[in-house]
């Protein structure tokens, strides 16, 4: 069975706003399987926005579980993320899921992984997927050298740069600003 390759997902907190975006490409081996996959999801009436990289089916399973945790913990994103990470690490079924998530609300950005990690970036920039290092580097440069840009502009421009470099990232972007 051919593995589906990752993508690029980027979240930026800058100038009082938080935005998250992703490209739309899914590949199987060295072939583009789909060019307009929606990898960004709004939860809690848009108060929490998530992005995923890795296996789509696995990510949907994790997103459903994360939404359940949000509901169980009164919309507390950090608490829901920690509880999901515990389950993800300990549960035999979940442990086999091959995906990563970025979750964000108006205050925080977190990266969740199957190894039990819940990481909060120091600089307000989080990226996952095959083009993550390109997008993250671009976002860091833009936050420092284009201080008047808002988070949505930084995410958009950074993902465009990643798409120019990473063969597993395309220019079909979805960017959401968190309300």
Protein backbone atom coordinates (compact mmCIF):
# COMPACT_ATOMS: atom_id res chain seq x y z
CA UNK A 1 0.00 0.00 0.00
CA UNK A 2 1.31 3.45 -0.93
CA UNK A 3 1.66 5.92 1.90
CA UNK A 4 0.07 9.34 1.55
CA UNK A 5 2.70 12.03 1.96
CA UNK A 6 2.48 14.95 4.30
CA UNK A 7 1.62 18.51 3.50
CA UNK A 8 2.34 21.90 4.95
CA UNK A 9 0.32 23.41 7.78
CA UNK A 10 1.34 26.69 9.41
CA UNK A 11 -0.06 28.68 12.33
CA UNK A 12 1.12 32.17 13.28
CA UNK A 13 0.32 34.41 16.23
CA UNK A 14 1.32 37.98 15.34
CA UNK A 15 0.13 41.51 16.05
CA UNK A 16 -2.78 40.35 18.17
CA UNK A 17 -4.21 37.82 15.73
CA UNK A 18 -3.84 34.09 15.12
CA UNK A 19 -4.18 32.42 11.72
CA UNK A 20 -3.70 28.89 10.48
CA UNK A 21 -3.41 27.65 6.92
CA UNK A 22 -2.52 24.68 4.77
CA UNK A 23 -2.01 23.73 1.17
CA UNK A 24 -4.39 21.37 -0.60
CA UNK A 25 -2.17 18.67 -2.05
CA UNK A 26 -2.35 14.97 -1.25
CA UNK A 27 0.11 12.63 -2.91
CA UNK A 28 0.44 8.89 -3.22
CA UNK A 29 4.01 7.95 -3.96
CA UNK A 30 5.24 10.38 -6.60
CA UNK A 31 1.77 11.17 -7.94
CA UNK A 32 -0.57 13.98 -6.97
CA UNK A 33 -3.74 12.19 -5.88
CA UNK A 34 -5.78 15.32 -5.16
CA UNK A 35 -4.96 19.00 -5.33
CA UNK A 36 -7.73 20.60 -3.26
CA UNK A 37 -7.89 18.72 0.05
CA UNK A 38 -9.28 20.83 2.92
CA UNK A 39 -6.87 20.28 5.83
CA UNK A 40 -8.18 23.07 8.04
CA UNK A 41 -11.20 22.53 10.30
CA UNK A 42 -13.09 24.92 12.56
CA UNK A 43 -14.36 23.63 15.90
CA UNK A 44 -16.34 25.22 18.73
CA UNK A 45 -18.10 27.69 16.39
CA UNK A 46 -14.76 28.90 14.98
CA UNK A 47 -13.12 29.53 18.36
CA UNK A 48 -10.67 26.67 17.75
CA UNK A 49 -9.14 25.94 14.36
CA UNK A 50 -7.14 22.82 13.54
CA UNK A 51 -4.88 21.69 10.73
CA UNK A 52 -3.50 18.26 10.01
CA UNK A 53 -0.64 16.57 8.20
CA UNK A 54 -0.31 12.87 7.51
CA UNK A 55 -2.95 10.27 6.87
CA UNK A 56 -6.32 11.92 6.22
CA UNK A 57 -8.41 9.12 7.74
CA UNK A 58 -6.19 9.09 10.82
CA UNK A 59 -6.43 12.87 11.13
CA UNK A 60 -10.23 12.79 10.97
CA UNK A 61 -10.27 10.22 13.76
CA UNK A 62 -8.05 12.46 15.88
CA UNK A 63 -10.09 15.57 15.06
CA UNK A 64 -13.28 13.83 16.19
CA UNK A 65 -11.60 12.79 19.43
CA UNK A 66 -10.23 16.31 19.93
CA UNK A 67 -13.69 17.81 19.40
CA UNK A 68 -15.09 15.38 21.99
CA UNK A 69 -12.38 16.46 24.44
CA UNK A 70 -13.16 20.14 23.78
CA UNK A 71 -16.80 19.49 24.60
CA UNK A 72 -15.91 17.46 27.69
CA UNK A 73 -13.63 20.19 29.04
CA UNK A 74 -15.78 23.24 28.37
CA UNK A 75 -13.88 24.38 25.28
CA UNK A 76 -10.52 24.54 27.06
CA UNK A 77 -8.14 23.91 24.17
CA UNK A 78 -5.04 23.21 26.27
CA UNK A 79 -6.83 20.76 28.53
CA UNK A 80 -8.45 19.01 25.55
CA UNK A 81 -5.06 18.78 23.81
CA UNK A 82 -3.38 17.25 26.85
CA UNK A 83 -6.17 14.72 27.33
CA UNK A 84 -6.09 13.77 23.62
CA UNK A 85 -2.30 13.37 23.76
CA UNK A 86 -2.65 11.04 26.76
CA UNK A 87 -5.21 8.91 24.93
CA UNK A 88 -3.21 8.99 21.70
CA UNK A 89 -0.10 7.74 23.49
CA UNK A 90 -1.80 5.09 25.63
CA UNK A 91 -4.61 3.67 23.46
CA UNK A 92 -3.56 0.72 21.27
CA UNK A 93 -5.73 1.84 18.37
CA UNK A 94 -4.90 5.54 18.50
CA UNK A 95 -1.17 4.86 18.92
CA UNK A 96 -1.06 3.50 15.36
CA UNK A 97 -2.51 6.65 13.80
CA UNK A 98 -0.08 8.48 11.52
CA UNK A 99 -0.93 12.13 11.65
CA UNK A 100 0.00 15.36 13.42
CA UNK A 101 -2.22 18.25 14.40
CA UNK A 102 -1.86 21.96 14.96
CA UNK A 103 -4.63 23.39 17.10
CA UNK A 104 -5.10 27.09 17.76
CA UNK A 105 -7.42 29.49 19.49
CA UNK A 106 -7.15 33.26 19.89
CA UNK A 107 -4.61 32.82 22.71
CA UNK A 108 -2.49 29.76 21.93
CA UNK A 109 -1.06 27.52 19.25
CA UNK A 110 -0.21 23.88 20.01
CA UNK A 111 1.34 21.01 18.06
CA UNK A 112 0.07 17.51 18.95
CA UNK A 113 1.80 14.29 18.00
CA UNK A 114 1.30 10.59 18.55
CA UNK A 115 4.31 10.41 20.83
CA UNK A 116 2.38 12.30 23.50
CA UNK A 117 3.81 15.70 22.66
CA UNK A 118 1.82 18.87 23.23
CA UNK A 119 4.20 21.61 22.15
CA UNK A 120 3.59 25.33 22.44
CA UNK A 121 6.01 27.25 20.22
CA UNK A 122 8.06 29.98 21.88
CA UNK A 123 7.83 32.38 18.95
CA UNK A 124 4.14 32.06 18.05
CA UNK A 125 4.87 30.04 14.91
CA UNK A 126 4.07 26.34 14.48
CA UNK A 127 4.47 24.24 11.35
CA UNK A 128 4.00 20.57 10.49
CA UNK A 129 4.33 18.48 7.36
CA UNK A 130 6.89 18.02 4.64
CA UNK A 131 7.14 21.73 3.83
CA UNK A 132 7.04 22.84 7.44
CA UNK A 133 10.64 24.03 7.73
CA UNK A 134 10.30 26.23 4.64
CA UNK A 135 7.04 27.76 5.86
CA UNK A 136 8.36 28.24 9.38
CA UNK A 137 11.54 29.95 8.17
CA UNK A 138 9.53 32.26 5.92
CA UNK A 139 7.11 33.09 8.75
CA UNK A 140 9.98 33.87 11.13
CA UNK A 141 11.55 36.20 8.57
CA UNK A 142 8.25 37.94 7.85
CA UNK A 143 7.36 38.47 11.52
CA UNK A 144 10.76 40.07 12.05
CA UNK A 145 11.18 42.04 8.82
CA UNK A 146 7.59 42.87 7.87
CA UNK A 147 6.13 43.81 11.25
CA UNK A 148 3.06 45.52 9.75
CA UNK A 149 1.76 42.29 8.22
CA UNK A 150 -1.03 40.52 10.10
CA UNK A 151 -1.01 36.81 10.89
CA UNK A 152 -3.22 35.92 7.91
CA UNK A 153 -0.88 37.66 5.45
CA UNK A 154 2.16 36.01 7.02
CA UNK A 155 0.61 32.53 6.82
CA UNK A 156 -0.43 33.07 3.19
CA UNK A 157 2.95 34.37 2.04
CA UNK A 158 4.88 31.73 3.99
CA UNK A 159 2.81 28.89 2.52
CA UNK A 160 3.38 30.30 -0.97
CA UNK A 161 7.13 30.20 -0.36
CA UNK A 162 6.90 26.61 0.92
CA UNK A 163 4.85 25.64 -2.15
CA UNK A 164 7.58 27.05 -4.41
CA UNK A 165 10.16 24.78 -2.74
CA UNK A 166 8.44 21.62 -1.44
CA UNK A 167 7.14 19.16 -4.05
CA UNK A 168 4.51 17.88 -1.57
CA UNK A 169 3.00 21.37 -1.11
CA UNK A 170 0.86 23.24 -3.66
CA UNK A 171 -0.58 26.73 -4.07
CA UNK A 172 -4.22 25.76 -3.31
CA UNK A 173 -4.23 27.41 0.11
CA UNK A 174 -6.85 27.65 2.81
CA UNK A 175 -6.11 30.19 5.54
CA UNK A 176 -8.39 30.89 8.49
CA UNK A 177 -8.11 33.72 10.97
CA UNK A 178 -9.34 32.76 14.42
CA UNK A 179 -12.25 34.79 15.72
